[in-house]
């Protein structure tokens, strides 16, 4: 089945996903990049011009396309697991590996990118509220891996071992 990297923005889904896909000899797909190609706009512009609902509708179509593929490693957007339809499609077609990270390390990683992160426009308070709401979705994932103290290369190696130990890669 497929391997889906989920988790909050800044946990390393795309960078770890690319390395993990290479390690496993599988194609890598970035869901946000697929959404941007479909919309012909960057994610932050989709949010600004069309709103979060339009973005989530595009995301649902991309998730459905990912779930129809076989043998891929995909980095999901931070909110891809918010809808039960997305979760069901992903769980049926593969394994969800949630990347987690401490709040302080995440904020350190994200604060330089606030302009390109539409959901963080309100700064630290908004970040903390969003984190609280999203944590339950990380807990539901089949597997979890903290990237707090890991480099991208280390996280990809640990993810590979975790998947192989469970017979999932």
C-alpha atoms as a PDB file:
ATOM      1  CA  UNK A   1       0.000   0.000   0.000  1.00  0.00           C
ATOM      2  CA  UNK A   2       0.844   3.669  -0.083  1.00  0.00           C
ATOM      3  CA  UNK A   3       2.635   5.534   2.688  1.00  0.00           C
ATOM      4  CA  UNK A   4       1.080   8.874   3.639  1.00  0.00           C
ATOM      5  CA  UNK A   5       2.976  11.386   5.751  1.00  0.00           C
ATOM      6  CA  UNK A   6       0.588  13.504   7.777  1.00  0.00           C
ATOM      7  CA  UNK A   7       1.081  16.059  10.513  1.00  0.00           C
ATOM      8  CA  UNK A   8       1.129  19.747  11.259  1.00  0.00           C
ATOM      9  CA  UNK A   9       2.846  22.208   8.934  1.00  0.00           C
ATOM     10  CA  UNK A  10       6.576  22.297   9.584  1.00  0.00           C
ATOM     11  CA  UNK A  11       6.890  18.703  10.843  1.00  0.00           C
ATOM     12  CA  UNK A  12       8.836  17.740   7.705  1.00  0.00           C
ATOM     13  CA  UNK A  13       6.243  15.888   5.622  1.00  0.00           C
ATOM     14  CA  UNK A  14       7.623  16.995   2.237  1.00  0.00           C
ATOM     15  CA  UNK A  15      11.338  16.887   2.995  1.00  0.00           C
ATOM     16  CA  UNK A  16      11.161  13.590   4.913  1.00  0.00           C
ATOM     17  CA  UNK A  17       8.733  12.190   2.322  1.00  0.00           C
ATOM     18  CA  UNK A  18      11.139  12.834  -0.580  1.00  0.00           C
ATOM     19  CA  UNK A  19      13.977  11.074   1.236  1.00  0.00           C
ATOM     20  CA  UNK A  20      11.768   8.215   2.408  1.00  0.00           C
ATOM     21  CA  UNK A  21      10.486   7.652  -1.140  1.00  0.00           C
ATOM     22  CA  UNK A  22      14.094   7.497  -2.384  1.00  0.00           C
ATOM     23  CA  UNK A  23      15.025   5.023   0.358  1.00  0.00           C
ATOM     24  CA  UNK A  24      12.039   2.816  -0.537  1.00  0.00           C
ATOM     25  CA  UNK A  25      12.488   3.207  -4.311  1.00  0.00           C
ATOM     26  CA  UNK A  26       8.974   4.603  -4.697  1.00  0.00           C
ATOM     27  CA  UNK A  27       7.560   7.676  -6.438  1.00  0.00           C
ATOM     28  CA  UNK A  28       6.989  10.729  -4.221  1.00  0.00           C
ATOM     29  CA  UNK A  29       3.918  12.954  -4.462  1.00  0.00           C
ATOM     30  CA  UNK A  30       3.415  16.231  -2.605  1.00  0.00           C
ATOM     31  CA  UNK A  31      -0.334  16.809  -2.166  1.00  0.00           C
ATOM     32  CA  UNK A  32       0.004  20.601  -1.808  1.00  0.00           C
ATOM     33  CA  UNK A  33       2.069  20.776  -5.019  1.00  0.00           C
ATOM     34  CA  UNK A  34      -0.624  18.713  -6.788  1.00  0.00           C
ATOM     35  CA  UNK A  35      -3.277  21.157  -5.519  1.00  0.00           C
ATOM     36  CA  UNK A  36      -1.191  24.108  -6.757  1.00  0.00           C
ATOM     37  CA  UNK A  37      -0.879  22.529 -10.227  1.00  0.00           C
ATOM     38  CA  UNK A  38      -4.624  21.888 -10.361  1.00  0.00           C
ATOM     39  CA  UNK A  39      -5.513  25.433  -9.250  1.00  0.00           C
ATOM     40  CA  UNK A  40      -2.589  27.078 -11.084  1.00  0.00           C
ATOM     41  CA  UNK A  41      -2.040  29.082  -7.886  1.00  0.00           C
ATOM     42  CA  UNK A  42       0.174  28.712  -4.814  1.00  0.00           C
ATOM     43  CA  UNK A  43      -1.590  27.442  -1.684  1.00  0.00           C
ATOM     44  CA  UNK A  44      -1.486  30.840   0.065  1.00  0.00           C
ATOM     45  CA  UNK A  45      -3.139  32.472  -2.984  1.00  0.00           C
ATOM     46  CA  UNK A  46      -5.897  29.826  -3.072  1.00  0.00           C
ATOM     47  CA  UNK A  47      -6.665  30.647   0.578  1.00  0.00           C
ATOM     48  CA  UNK A  48      -6.511  34.412  -0.054  1.00  0.00           C
ATOM     49  CA  UNK A  49      -8.597  34.481  -3.253  1.00  0.00           C
ATOM     50  CA  UNK A  50     -10.944  31.526  -2.890  1.00  0.00           C
ATOM     51  CA  UNK A  51     -10.959  30.735   0.837  1.00  0.00           C
ATOM     52  CA  UNK A  52     -10.279  27.644   2.897  1.00  0.00           C
ATOM     53  CA  UNK A  53     -13.430  25.827   1.719  1.00  0.00           C
ATOM     54  CA  UNK A  54     -12.322  25.976  -1.912  1.00  0.00           C
ATOM     55  CA  UNK A  55      -8.872  24.760  -0.894  1.00  0.00           C
ATOM     56  CA  UNK A  56     -10.359  21.813   1.061  1.00  0.00           C
ATOM     57  CA  UNK A  57     -12.495  20.846  -1.969  1.00  0.00           C
ATOM     58  CA  UNK A  58      -9.385  20.756  -4.186  1.00  0.00           C
ATOM     59  CA  UNK A  59      -7.558  18.828  -1.473  1.00  0.00           C
ATOM     60  CA  UNK A  60     -10.346  16.200  -1.315  1.00  0.00           C
ATOM     61  CA  UNK A  61     -10.008  15.589  -5.082  1.00  0.00           C
ATOM     62  CA  UNK A  62      -6.234  15.255  -4.809  1.00  0.00           C
ATOM     63  CA  UNK A  63      -6.552  12.858  -1.829  1.00  0.00           C
ATOM     64  CA  UNK A  64      -8.989  10.742  -3.833  1.00  0.00           C
ATOM     65  CA  UNK A  65      -6.481  10.596  -6.725  1.00  0.00           C
ATOM     66  CA  UNK A  66      -3.647   9.644  -4.355  1.00  0.00           C
ATOM     67  CA  UNK A  67      -5.741   6.863  -2.806  1.00  0.00           C
ATOM     68  CA  UNK A  68      -6.358   5.428  -6.286  1.00  0.00           C
ATOM     69  CA  UNK A  69      -2.611   5.040  -6.892  1.00  0.00           C
ATOM     70  CA  UNK A  70      -0.390   2.203  -5.662  1.00  0.00           C
ATOM     71  CA  UNK A  71       3.111   2.119  -4.203  1.00  0.00           C
ATOM     72  CA  UNK A  72       3.627   5.842  -3.607  1.00  0.00           C
ATOM     73  CA  UNK A  73       4.929   7.913  -0.719  1.00  0.00           C
ATOM     74  CA  UNK A  74       2.822  11.059  -0.369  1.00  0.00           C
ATOM     75  CA  UNK A  75       3.155  14.154   1.799  1.00  0.00           C
ATOM     76  CA  UNK A  76      -0.310  15.346   2.781  1.00  0.00           C
ATOM     77  CA  UNK A  77      -1.260  18.907   3.596  1.00  0.00           C
ATOM     78  CA  UNK A  78      -1.479  19.693   7.311  1.00  0.00           C
ATOM     79  CA  UNK A  79      -5.292  19.607   7.245  1.00  0.00           C
ATOM     80  CA  UNK A  80      -5.835  16.627   4.921  1.00  0.00           C
ATOM     81  CA  UNK A  81      -7.008  14.381   7.774  1.00  0.00           C
ATOM     82  CA  UNK A  82      -9.645  16.845   8.991  1.00  0.00           C
ATOM     83  CA  UNK A  83     -12.423  15.210   6.955  1.00  0.00           C
ATOM     84  CA  UNK A  84     -13.546  11.658   7.590  1.00  0.00           C
ATOM     85  CA  UNK A  85     -13.905  10.970   3.838  1.00  0.00           C
ATOM     86  CA  UNK A  86     -10.221  11.809   3.317  1.00  0.00           C
ATOM     87  CA  UNK A  87      -9.188   9.697   6.309  1.00  0.00           C
ATOM     88  CA  UNK A  88     -11.197   6.681   5.124  1.00  0.00           C
ATOM     89  CA  UNK A  89      -9.786   6.848   1.568  1.00  0.00           C
ATOM     90  CA  UNK A  90      -6.222   7.130   2.863  1.00  0.00           C
ATOM     91  CA  UNK A  91      -6.567   4.389   5.496  1.00  0.00           C
ATOM     92  CA  UNK A  92      -8.037   1.991   2.903  1.00  0.00           C
ATOM     93  CA  UNK A  93      -5.211   2.520   0.435  1.00  0.00           C
ATOM     94  CA  UNK A  94      -2.195   2.698   2.705  1.00  0.00           C
ATOM     95  CA  UNK A  95      -0.600   3.577   6.011  1.00  0.00           C
ATOM     96  CA  UNK A  96      -0.742   7.001   7.604  1.00  0.00           C
ATOM     97  CA  UNK A  97       2.458   7.973   9.387  1.00  0.00           C
ATOM     98  CA  UNK A  98       1.965  11.118  11.454  1.00  0.00           C
ATOM     99  CA  UNK A  99       5.056  13.253  11.896  1.00  0.00           C
ATOM    100  CA  UNK A 100       4.932  15.106  15.200  1.00  0.00           C
ATOM    101  CA  UNK A 101       7.101  17.818  16.696  1.00  0.00           C
ATOM    102  CA  UNK A 102       7.220  19.834  19.920  1.00  0.00           C
ATOM    103  CA  UNK A 103       5.405  23.182  19.834  1.00  0.00           C
ATOM    104  CA  UNK A 104       8.576  25.144  20.571  1.00  0.00           C
ATOM    105  CA  UNK A 105      10.579  23.495  17.764  1.00  0.00           C
ATOM    106  CA  UNK A 106       7.658  23.815  15.329  1.00  0.00           C
ATOM    107  CA  UNK A 107       7.251  27.510  16.075  1.00  0.00           C
ATOM    108  CA  UNK A 108      11.017  27.971  15.611  1.00  0.00           C
ATOM    109  CA  UNK A 109      10.719  26.319  12.160  1.00  0.00           C
ATOM    110  CA  UNK A 110       7.557  28.164  11.112  1.00  0.00           C
ATOM    111  CA  UNK A 111       7.940  31.720  12.367  1.00  0.00           C
ATOM    112  CA  UNK A 112      10.157  32.681   9.427  1.00  0.00           C
ATOM    113  CA  UNK A 113       7.459  31.540   6.984  1.00  0.00           C
ATOM    114  CA  UNK A 114       4.390  33.310   8.363  1.00  0.00           C
ATOM    115  CA  UNK A 115       3.697  35.179   5.110  1.00  0.00           C
ATOM    116  CA  UNK A 116       3.485  31.955   3.097  1.00  0.00           C
ATOM    117  CA  UNK A 117       1.449  30.128   5.770  1.00  0.00           C
ATOM    118  CA  UNK A 118      -2.100  31.522   5.492  1.00  0.00           C
ATOM    119  CA  UNK A 119      -3.395  29.710   8.571  1.00  0.00           C
ATOM    120  CA  UNK A 120      -0.753  31.363  10.775  1.00  0.00           C
ATOM    121  CA  UNK A 121      -1.578  34.991   9.973  1.00  0.00           C
ATOM    122  CA  UNK A 122      -2.575  35.594  13.614  1.00  0.00           C
ATOM    123  CA  UNK A 123       0.839  34.614  14.971  1.00  0.00           C
ATOM    124  CA  UNK A 124       1.622  32.456  17.980  1.00  0.00           C
ATOM    125  CA  UNK A 125      -1.883  32.457  19.536  1.00  0.00           C
ATOM    126  CA  UNK A 126      -3.408  31.191  16.276  1.00  0.00           C
ATOM    127  CA  UNK A 127      -0.626  28.611  15.990  1.00  0.00           C
ATOM    128  CA  UNK A 128      -1.348  27.264  19.494  1.00  0.00           C
ATOM    129  CA  UNK A 129      -5.115  27.074  18.874  1.00  0.00           C
ATOM    130  CA  UNK A 130      -4.630  25.299  15.541  1.00  0.00           C
ATOM    131  CA  UNK A 131      -2.182  22.854  17.153  1.00  0.00           C
ATOM    132  CA  UNK A 132      -4.700  21.955  19.862  1.00  0.00           C
ATOM    133  CA  UNK A 133      -7.425  21.259  17.280  1.00  0.00           C
ATOM    134  CA  UNK A 134      -5.158  19.154  15.050  1.00  0.00           C
ATOM    135  CA  UNK A 135      -3.415  17.014  17.680  1.00  0.00           C
ATOM    136  CA  UNK A 136      -6.291  14.509  17.891  1.00  0.00           C
ATOM    137  CA  UNK A 137      -5.815  13.683  14.200  1.00  0.00           C
ATOM    138  CA  UNK A 138      -2.122  12.888  14.761  1.00  0.00           C
ATOM    139  CA  UNK A 139      -3.129  10.513  17.559  1.00  0.00           C
ATOM    140  CA  UNK A 140      -5.459   8.585  15.222  1.00  0.00           C
ATOM    141  CA  UNK A 141      -2.686   7.760  12.739  1.00  0.00           C
ATOM    142  CA  UNK A 142      -1.528   4.146  12.482  1.00  0.00           C
ATOM    143  CA  UNK A 143       2.072   5.208  13.187  1.00  0.00           C
ATOM    144  CA  UNK A 144       3.693   8.292  14.718  1.00  0.00           C
ATOM    145  CA  UNK A 145       7.229   9.643  14.545  1.00  0.00           C
ATOM    146  CA  UNK A 146       8.580  12.719  16.313  1.00  0.00           C
ATOM    147  CA  UNK A 147      10.883  14.841  14.149  1.00  0.00           C
ATOM    148  CA  UNK A 148      11.645  17.284  16.980  1.00  0.00           C
ATOM    149  CA  UNK A 149      15.289  16.252  17.370  1.00  0.00           C
ATOM    150  CA  UNK A 150      15.857  14.524  14.022  1.00  0.00           C
ATOM    151  CA  UNK A 151      17.415  15.798  10.818  1.00  0.00           C
ATOM    152  CA  UNK A 152      15.491  15.100   7.612  1.00  0.00           C
ATOM    153  CA  UNK A 153      17.844  12.206   6.787  1.00  0.00           C
ATOM    154  CA  UNK A 154      17.489  10.702  10.277  1.00  0.00           C
ATOM    155  CA  UNK A 155      13.689  10.995  10.179  1.00  0.00           C
ATOM    156  CA  UNK A 156      13.544   9.245   6.775  1.00  0.00           C
ATOM    157  CA  UNK A 157      15.752   6.414   8.067  1.00  0.00           C
ATOM    158  CA  UNK A 158      13.671   5.960  11.236  1.00  0.00           C
ATOM    159  CA  UNK A 159      10.439   6.068   9.180  1.00  0.00           C
ATOM    160  CA  UNK A 160      11.800   3.395   6.817  1.00  0.00           C
ATOM    161  CA  UNK A 161      12.743   1.131   9.749  1.00  0.00           C
ATOM    162  CA  UNK A 162       9.364   1.676  11.405  1.00  0.00           C
ATOM    163  CA  UNK A 163       7.486   0.747   8.211  1.00  0.00           C
ATOM    164  CA  UNK A 164       9.685  -2.264   7.433  1.00  0.00           C
ATOM    165  CA  UNK A 165       9.421  -3.588  10.997  1.00  0.00           C
ATOM    166  CA  UNK A 166       5.645  -3.587  10.602  1.00  0.00           C
ATOM    167  CA  UNK A 167       5.796  -5.156   7.134  1.00  0.00           C
ATOM    168  CA  UNK A 168       4.391  -1.985   5.542  1.00  0.00           C
ATOM    169  CA  UNK A 169       7.262  -1.155   3.179  1.00  0.00           C
END
